[in-house]
PDB file of all heavy atoms in Angstrom:
ATOM      1  N   PRO A   1      13.693  -2.503 -77.000  1.00  0.00           N
ATOM      2  CA  PRO A   1      12.372  -2.705 -77.600  1.00  0.00           C
ATOM      3  C   PRO A   1      12.077  -1.795 -78.789  1.00  0.00           C
ATOM      4  O   PRO A   1      11.438  -2.228 -79.747  1.00  0.00           O
ATOM      5  CB  PRO A   1      11.415  -2.431 -76.428  1.00  0.00           C
ATOM      6  CG  PRO A   1      12.209  -2.761 -75.207  1.00  0.00           C
ATOM      7  CD  PRO A   1      13.615  -2.352 -75.531  1.00  0.00           C
ATOM      8  N   ALA A   2      12.530  -0.529 -78.736  1.00  0.00           N
ATOM      9  CA  ALA A   2      12.240   0.385 -79.848  1.00  0.00           C
ATOM     10  C   ALA A   2      12.898  -0.106 -81.132  1.00  0.00           C
ATOM     11  O   ALA A   2      12.276  -0.130 -82.203  1.00  0.00           O
ATOM     12  CB  ALA A   2      12.712   1.797 -79.518  1.00  0.00           C
ATOM     13  N   ARG A   3      14.166  -0.550 -81.033  1.00  0.00           N
ATOM     14  CA  ARG A   3      14.846  -1.050 -82.222  1.00  0.00           C
ATOM     15  C   ARG A   3      14.237  -2.378 -82.665  1.00  0.00           C
ATOM     16  O   ARG A   3      14.074  -2.625 -83.870  1.00  0.00           O
ATOM     17  CB  ARG A   3      16.343  -1.211 -81.942  1.00  0.00           C
ATOM     18  CG  ARG A   3      17.101  -1.756 -83.147  1.00  0.00           C
ATOM     19  CD  ARG A   3      18.607  -1.743 -82.976  1.00  0.00           C
ATOM     20  NE  ARG A   3      19.240  -2.427 -84.088  1.00  0.00           N
ATOM     21  CZ  ARG A   3      19.464  -1.902 -85.285  1.00  0.00           C
ATOM     22  NH1 ARG A   3      19.100  -0.656 -85.523  1.00  0.00           N
ATOM     23  NH2 ARG A   3      20.039  -2.600 -86.243  1.00  0.00           N
ATOM     24  N   THR A   4      13.878  -3.241 -81.721  1.00  0.00           N
ATOM     25  CA  THR A   4      13.292  -4.528 -82.088  1.00  0.00           C
ATOM     26  C   THR A   4      11.963  -4.326 -82.805  1.00  0.00           C
ATOM     27  O   THR A   4      11.679  -4.997 -83.806  1.00  0.00           O
ATOM     28  CB  THR A   4      13.085  -5.399 -80.837  1.00  0.00           C
ATOM     29  OG1 THR A   4      14.342  -5.574 -80.188  1.00  0.00           O
ATOM     30  CG2 THR A   4      12.501  -6.760 -81.207  1.00  0.00           C
ATOM     31  N   ARG A   5      11.147  -3.385 -82.310  1.00  0.00           N
ATOM     32  CA  ARG A   5       9.867  -3.099 -82.959  1.00  0.00           C
ATOM     33  C   ARG A   5      10.083  -2.606 -84.386  1.00  0.00           C
ATOM     34  O   ARG A   5       9.365  -2.988 -85.318  1.00  0.00           O
ATOM     35  CB  ARG A   5       9.100  -2.056 -82.135  1.00  0.00           C
ATOM     36  CG  ARG A   5       7.721  -1.688 -82.668  1.00  0.00           C
ATOM     37  CD  ARG A   5       6.744  -2.823 -82.440  1.00  0.00           C
ATOM     38  NE  ARG A   5       5.410  -2.486 -82.895  1.00  0.00           N
ATOM     39  CZ  ARG A   5       4.426  -2.077 -82.109  1.00  0.00           C
ATOM     40  NH1 ARG A   5       4.635  -1.946 -80.801  1.00  0.00           N
ATOM     41  NH2 ARG A   5       3.247  -1.822 -82.585  1.00  0.00           N
ATOM     42  N   ALA A   6      11.068  -1.739 -84.553  1.00  0.00           N
ATOM     43  CA  ALA A   6      11.351  -1.227 -85.895  1.00  0.00           C
ATOM     44  C   ALA A   6      11.886  -2.336 -86.805  1.00  0.00           C
ATOM     45  O   ALA A   6      11.544  -2.402 -87.995  1.00  0.00           O
ATOM     46  CB  ALA A   6      12.346  -0.073 -85.811  1.00  0.00           C
ATOM     47  N   LEU A   7      12.748  -3.202 -86.277  1.00  0.00           N
ATOM     48  CA  LEU A   7      13.240  -4.343 -87.070  1.00  0.00           C
ATOM     49  C   LEU A   7      12.097  -5.255 -87.495  1.00  0.00           C
ATOM     50  O   LEU A   7      12.049  -5.721 -88.642  1.00  0.00           O
ATOM     51  CB  LEU A   7      14.249  -5.148 -86.251  1.00  0.00           C
ATOM     52  CG  LEU A   7      15.704  -4.697 -86.256  1.00  0.00           C
ATOM     53  CD1 LEU A   7      16.500  -5.494 -85.230  1.00  0.00           C
ATOM     54  CD2 LEU A   7      16.321  -4.852 -87.644  1.00  0.00           C
ATOM     55  N   THR A   8      11.161  -5.514 -86.568  1.00  0.00           N
ATOM     56  CA  THR A   8       9.996  -6.332 -86.904  1.00  0.00           C
ATOM     57  C   THR A   8       9.194  -5.670 -88.018  1.00  0.00           C
ATOM     58  O   THR A   8       8.765  -6.325 -88.974  1.00  0.00           O
ATOM     59  CB  THR A   8       9.099  -6.526 -85.666  1.00  0.00           C
ATOM     60  OG1 THR A   8       9.874  -7.076 -84.604  1.00  0.00           O
ATOM     61  CG2 THR A   8       7.937  -7.452 -85.973  1.00  0.00           C
ATOM     62  N   GLY A   9       9.000  -4.367 -87.888  1.00  0.00           N
ATOM     63  CA  GLY A   9       8.272  -3.637 -88.921  1.00  0.00           C
ATOM     64  C   GLY A   9       8.955  -3.705 -90.263  1.00  0.00           C
ATOM     65  O   GLY A   9       8.303  -3.872 -91.307  1.00  0.00           O
ATOM     66  N   LEU A  10      10.286  -3.588 -90.267  1.00  0.00           N
ATOM     67  CA  LEU A  10      11.021  -3.691 -91.527  1.00  0.00           C
ATOM     68  C   LEU A  10      10.861  -5.091 -92.117  1.00  0.00           C
ATOM     69  O   LEU A  10      10.706  -5.252 -93.337  1.00  0.00           O
ATOM     70  CB  LEU A  10      12.495  -3.362 -91.306  1.00  0.00           C
ATOM     71  CG  LEU A  10      13.373  -3.353 -92.555  1.00  0.00           C
ATOM     72  CD1 LEU A  10      12.872  -2.337 -93.580  1.00  0.00           C
ATOM     73  CD2 LEU A  10      14.829  -3.067 -92.196  1.00  0.00           C
ATOM     74  N   GLY A  11      10.880  -6.114 -91.266  1.00  0.00           N
ATOM     75  CA  GLY A  11      10.680  -7.473 -91.748  1.00  0.00           C
ATOM     76  C   GLY A  11       9.312  -7.654 -92.384  1.00  0.00           C
ATOM     77  O   GLY A  11       9.182  -8.273 -93.455  1.00  0.00           O
ATOM     78  N   ILE A  12       8.265  -7.112 -91.750  1.00  0.00           N
ATOM     79  CA  ILE A  12       6.914  -7.174 -92.316  1.00  0.00           C
ATOM     80  C   ILE A  12       6.886  -6.472 -93.670  1.00  0.00           C
ATOM     81  O   ILE A  12       6.313  -6.973 -94.649  1.00  0.00           O
ATOM     82  CB  ILE A  12       5.903  -6.515 -91.356  1.00  0.00           C
ATOM     83  CG1 ILE A  12       5.789  -7.307 -90.047  1.00  0.00           C
ATOM     84  CG2 ILE A  12       4.546  -6.345 -92.020  1.00  0.00           C
ATOM     85  CD1 ILE A  12       5.089  -8.625 -90.173  1.00  0.00           C
ATOM     86  N   THR A  13       7.506  -5.315 -93.729  1.00  0.00           N
ATOM     87  CA  THR A  13       7.479  -4.503 -94.946  1.00  0.00           C
ATOM     88  C   THR A  13       8.149  -5.216 -96.118  1.00  0.00           C
ATOM     89  O   THR A  13       7.584  -5.308 -97.211  1.00  0.00           O
ATOM     90  CB  THR A  13       8.167  -3.148 -94.681  1.00  0.00           C
ATOM     91  OG1 THR A  13       7.498  -2.492 -93.603  1.00  0.00           O
ATOM     92  CG2 THR A  13       8.118  -2.269 -95.903  1.00  0.00           C
ATOM     93  N   VAL A  14       9.345  -5.731 -95.915  1.00  0.00           N
ATOM     94  CA  VAL A  14      10.045  -6.369 -97.032  1.00  0.00           C
ATOM     95  C   VAL A  14       9.384  -7.704 -97.395  1.00  0.00           C
ATOM     96  O   VAL A  14       9.431  -8.136 -98.551  1.00  0.00           O
ATOM     97  CB  VAL A  14      11.550  -6.545 -96.739  1.00  0.00           C
ATOM     98  CG1 VAL A  14      12.211  -5.199 -96.507  1.00  0.00           C
ATOM     99  CG2 VAL A  14      11.800  -7.470 -95.577  1.00  0.00           C
ATOM    100  N   THR A  15       8.740  -8.365 -96.421  1.00  0.00           N
ATOM    101  CA  THR A  15       7.981  -9.581 -96.739  1.00  0.00           C
ATOM    102  C   THR A  15       6.839  -9.251 -97.683  1.00  0.00           C
ATOM    103  O   THR A  15       6.617  -9.940 -98.694  1.00  0.00           O
ATOM    104  CB  THR A  15       7.424 -10.226 -95.457  1.00  0.00           C
ATOM    105  OG1 THR A  15       8.514 -10.614 -94.620  1.00  0.00           O
ATOM    106  CG2 THR A  15       6.588 -11.457 -95.773  1.00  0.00           C
ATOM    107  N   LEU A  16       6.102  -8.185 -97.381  1.00  0.00           N
ATOM    108  CA  LEU A  16       4.983  -7.788 -98.235  1.00  0.00           C
ATOM    109  C   LEU A  16       5.461  -7.310 -99.602  1.00  0.00           C
ATOM    110  O   LEU A  16       4.716  -7.375-100.579  1.00  0.00           O
ATOM    111  CB  LEU A  16       4.161  -6.695 -97.544  1.00  0.00           C
ATOM    112  CG  LEU A  16       3.389  -7.149 -96.299  1.00  0.00           C
ATOM    113  CD1 LEU A  16       2.743  -5.961 -95.605  1.00  0.00           C
ATOM    114  CD2 LEU A  16       2.344  -8.194 -96.662  1.00  0.00           C
ATOM    115  N   GLN A  17       6.703  -6.825 -99.671  1.00  0.00           N
ATOM    116  CA  GLN A  17       7.260  -6.436-100.964  1.00  0.00           C
ATOM    117  C   GLN A  17       7.763  -7.636-101.767  1.00  0.00           C
ATOM    118  O   GLN A  17       8.135  -7.491-102.925  1.00  0.00           O
ATOM    119  CB  GLN A  17       8.409  -5.447-100.769  1.00  0.00           C
ATOM    120  CG  GLN A  17       7.953  -4.068-100.320  1.00  0.00           C
ATOM    121  CD  GLN A  17       9.096  -3.087-100.270  1.00  0.00           C
ATOM    122  OE1 GLN A  17      10.117  -3.329 -99.621  1.00  0.00           O
ATOM    123  NE2 GLN A  17       8.948  -1.971-100.958  1.00  0.00           N
ATOM    124  N   GLY A  18       7.791  -8.816-101.144  1.00  0.00           N
ATOM    125  CA  GLY A  18       8.243 -10.008-101.849  1.00  0.00           C
ATOM    126  C   GLY A  18       9.738 -10.214-101.834  1.00  0.00           C
ATOM    127  O   GLY A  18      10.259 -11.070-102.560  1.00  0.00           O
ATOM    128  N   ASP A  19      10.463  -9.469-101.000  1.00  0.00           N
ATOM    129  CA  ASP A  19      11.923  -9.620-100.898  1.00  0.00           C
ATOM    130  C   ASP A  19      12.201 -10.664 -99.810  1.00  0.00           C
ATOM    131  O   ASP A  19      12.609 -10.350 -98.691  1.00  0.00           O
ATOM    132  CB  ASP A  19      12.553  -8.278-100.541  1.00  0.00           C
ATOM    133  CG  ASP A  19      14.079  -8.288-100.661  1.00  0.00           C
ATOM    134  OD1 ASP A  19      14.644  -9.392-100.794  1.00  0.00           O
ATOM    135  OD2 ASP A  19      14.677  -7.202-100.603  1.00  0.00           O
ATOM    136  N   TYR A  20      11.981 -11.940-100.154  1.00  0.00           N
ATOM    137  CA  TYR A  20      11.978 -12.992 -99.142  1.00  0.00           C
ATOM    138  C   TYR A  20      13.369 -13.309 -98.589  1.00  0.00           C
ATOM    139  O   TYR A  20      13.500 -13.717 -97.428  1.00  0.00           O
ATOM    140  CB  TYR A  20      11.341 -14.261 -99.708  1.00  0.00           C
ATOM    141  CG  TYR A  20       9.879 -14.103-100.059  1.00  0.00           C
ATOM    142  CD1 TYR A  20       9.311 -14.812-101.117  1.00  0.00           C
ATOM    143  CD2 TYR A  20       9.051 -13.241 -99.344  1.00  0.00           C
ATOM    144  CE1 TYR A  20       7.968 -14.676-101.443  1.00  0.00           C
ATOM    145  CE2 TYR A  20       7.714 -13.092 -99.660  1.00  0.00           C
ATOM    146  CZ  TYR A  20       7.179 -13.809-100.715  1.00  0.00           C
ATOM    147  OH  TYR A  20       5.856 -13.658-101.037  1.00  0.00           O
ATOM    148  N   ASP A  21      14.420 -13.127 -99.387  1.00  0.00           N
ATOM    149  CA  ASP A  21      15.775 -13.378 -98.874  1.00  0.00           C
ATOM    150  C   ASP A  21      16.107 -12.413 -97.737  1.00  0.00           C
ATOM    151  O   ASP A  21      16.579 -12.823 -96.664  1.00  0.00           O
ATOM    152  CB  ASP A  21      16.799 -13.240-100.002  1.00  0.00           C
ATOM    153  CG  ASP A  21      16.716 -14.391-100.997  1.00  0.00           C
ATOM    154  OD1 ASP A  21      16.135 -15.436-100.643  1.00  0.00           O
ATOM    155  OD2 ASP A  21      17.211 -14.241-102.125  1.00  0.00           O
ATOM    156  N   LEU A  22      15.877 -11.134 -97.980  1.00  0.00           N
ATOM    157  CA  LEU A  22      16.135 -10.151 -96.937  1.00  0.00           C
ATOM    158  C   LEU A  22      15.197 -10.373 -95.755  1.00  0.00           C
ATOM    159  O   LEU A  22      15.608 -10.274 -94.587  1.00  0.00           O
ATOM    160  CB  LEU A  22      15.952  -8.728 -97.486  1.00  0.00           C
ATOM    161  CG  LEU A  22      16.112  -7.584 -96.475  1.00  0.00           C
ATOM    162  CD1 LEU A  22      17.464  -7.647 -95.773  1.00  0.00           C
ATOM    163  CD2 LEU A  22      15.914  -6.230 -97.163  1.00  0.00           C
ATOM    164  N   ALA A  23      13.937 -10.690 -96.035  1.00  0.00           N
ATOM    165  CA  ALA A  23      12.973 -10.923 -94.959  1.00  0.00           C
ATOM    166  C   ALA A  23      13.401 -12.092 -94.079  1.00  0.00           C
ATOM    167  O   ALA A  23      13.231 -12.051 -92.848  1.00  0.00           O
ATOM    168  CB  ALA A  23      11.585 -11.174 -95.539  1.00  0.00           C
ATOM    169  N   THR A  24      13.965 -13.128 -94.680  1.00  0.00           N
ATOM    170  CA  THR A  24      14.430 -14.288 -93.902  1.00  0.00           C
ATOM    171  C   THR A  24      15.555 -13.890 -92.958  1.00  0.00           C
ATOM    172  O   THR A  24      15.576 -14.291 -91.781  1.00  0.00           O
ATOM    173  CB  THR A  24      14.890 -15.405 -94.854  1.00  0.00           C
ATOM    174  OG1 THR A  24      13.785 -15.798 -95.685  1.00  0.00           O
ATOM    175  CG2 THR A  24      15.377 -16.618 -94.082  1.00  0.00           C
ATOM    176  N   ARG A  25      16.492 -13.084 -93.442  1.00  0.00           N
ATOM    177  CA  ARG A  25      17.586 -12.631 -92.583  1.00  0.00           C
ATOM    178  C   ARG A  25      17.062 -11.733 -91.458  1.00  0.00           C
ATOM    179  O   ARG A  25      17.477 -11.852 -90.303  1.00  0.00           O
ATOM    180  CB  ARG A  25      18.631 -11.881 -93.417  1.00  0.00           C
ATOM    181  CG  ARG A  25      19.344 -12.756 -94.442  1.00  0.00           C
ATOM    182  CD  ARG A  25      20.591 -12.072 -94.983  1.00  0.00           C
ATOM    183  NE  ARG A  25      20.298 -10.859 -95.710  1.00  0.00           N
ATOM    184  CZ  ARG A  25      19.998 -10.804 -97.009  1.00  0.00           C
ATOM    185  NH1 ARG A  25      19.921 -11.940 -97.730  1.00  0.00           N
ATOM    186  NH2 ARG A  25      19.751  -9.667 -97.611  1.00  0.00           N
ATOM    187  N   LEU A  26      16.132 -10.853 -91.805  1.00  0.00           N
ATOM    188  CA  LEU A  26      15.571  -9.971 -90.790  1.00  0.00           C
ATOM    189  C   LEU A  26      14.775 -10.750 -89.749  1.00  0.00           C
ATOM    190  O   LEU A  26      14.809 -10.435 -88.556  1.00  0.00           O
ATOM    191  CB  LEU A  26      14.664  -8.922 -91.452  1.00  0.00           C
ATOM    192  CG  LEU A  26      15.383  -7.769 -92.165  1.00  0.00           C
ATOM    193  CD1 LEU A  26      14.395  -6.969 -93.000  1.00  0.00           C
ATOM    194  CD2 LEU A  26      16.074  -6.856 -91.152  1.00  0.00           C
ATOM    195  N   SER A  27      14.055 -11.776 -90.190  1.00  0.00           N
ATOM    196  CA  SER A  27      13.255 -12.580 -89.263  1.00  0.00           C
ATOM    197  C   SER A  27      14.150 -13.217 -88.198  1.00  0.00           C
ATOM    198  O   SER A  27      13.816 -13.223 -87.004  1.00  0.00           O
ATOM    199  CB  SER A  27      12.473 -13.652 -90.028  1.00  0.00           C
ATOM    200  OG  SER A  27      11.696 -14.427 -89.152  1.00  0.00           O
ATOM    201  N   ALA A  28      15.298 -13.733 -88.617  1.00  0.00           N
ATOM    202  CA  ALA A  28      16.234 -14.329 -87.659  1.00  0.00           C
ATOM    203  C   ALA A  28      16.783 -13.270 -86.708  1.00  0.00           C
ATOM    204  O   ALA A  28      16.909 -13.496 -85.489  1.00  0.00           O
ATOM    205  CB  ALA A  28      17.370 -15.012 -88.411  1.00  0.00           C
ATOM    206  N   GLU A  29      17.105 -12.091 -87.244  1.00  0.00           N
ATOM    207  CA  GLU A  29      17.626 -11.014 -86.403  1.00  0.00           C
ATOM    208  C   GLU A  29      16.568 -10.561 -85.395  1.00  0.00           C
ATOM    209  O   GLU A  29      16.877 -10.289 -84.230  1.00  0.00           O
ATOM    210  CB  GLU A  29      18.057  -9.830 -87.285  1.00  0.00           C
ATOM    211  CG  GLU A  29      18.741  -8.721 -86.511  1.00  0.00           C
ATOM    212  CD  GLU A  29      19.236  -7.588 -87.408  1.00  0.00           C
ATOM    213  OE1 GLU A  29      19.159  -7.710 -88.650  1.00  0.00           O
ATOM    214  OE2 GLU A  29      19.680  -6.567 -86.844  1.00  0.00           O
ATOM    215  N   VAL A  30      15.319 -10.500 -85.840  1.00  0.00           N
ATOM    216  CA  VAL A  30      14.231 -10.080 -84.951  1.00  0.00           C
ATOM    217  C   VAL A  30      14.034 -11.100 -83.829  1.00  0.00           C
ATOM    218  O   VAL A  30      13.839 -10.725 -82.662  1.00  0.00           O
ATOM    219  CB  VAL A  30      12.929  -9.884 -85.756  1.00  0.00           C
ATOM    220  CG1 VAL A  30      11.718  -9.780 -84.822  1.00  0.00           C
ATOM    221  CG2 VAL A  30      13.027  -8.643 -86.635  1.00  0.00           C
ATOM    222  N   ARG A  31      14.082 -12.397 -84.150  1.00  0.00           N
ATOM    223  CA  ARG A  31      13.925 -13.426 -83.115  1.00  0.00           C
ATOM    224  C   ARG A  31      14.989 -13.282 -82.038  1.00  0.00           C
ATOM    225  O   ARG A  31      14.705 -13.334 -80.841  1.00  0.00           O
ATOM    226  CB  ARG A  31      13.998 -14.827 -83.740  1.00  0.00           C
ATOM    227  CG  ARG A  31      12.740 -15.272 -84.443  1.00  0.00           C
ATOM    228  CD  ARG A  31      12.732 -16.780 -84.661  1.00  0.00           C
ATOM    229  NE  ARG A  31      13.896 -17.261 -85.390  1.00  0.00           N
ATOM    230  CZ  ARG A  31      13.995 -17.305 -86.717  1.00  0.00           C
ATOM    231  NH1 ARG A  31      12.982 -16.886 -87.459  1.00  0.00           N
ATOM    232  NH2 ARG A  31      15.085 -17.764 -87.295  1.00  0.00           N
TER     233      ARG A  31
END
């Protein structure tokens, strides 16, 4: 859970930065 929470946070962060390619990969990893 600690790593998953951090991965989710990283996904939120890069999404807000507009880095949608990386965010898409992170979103799949988080799921």
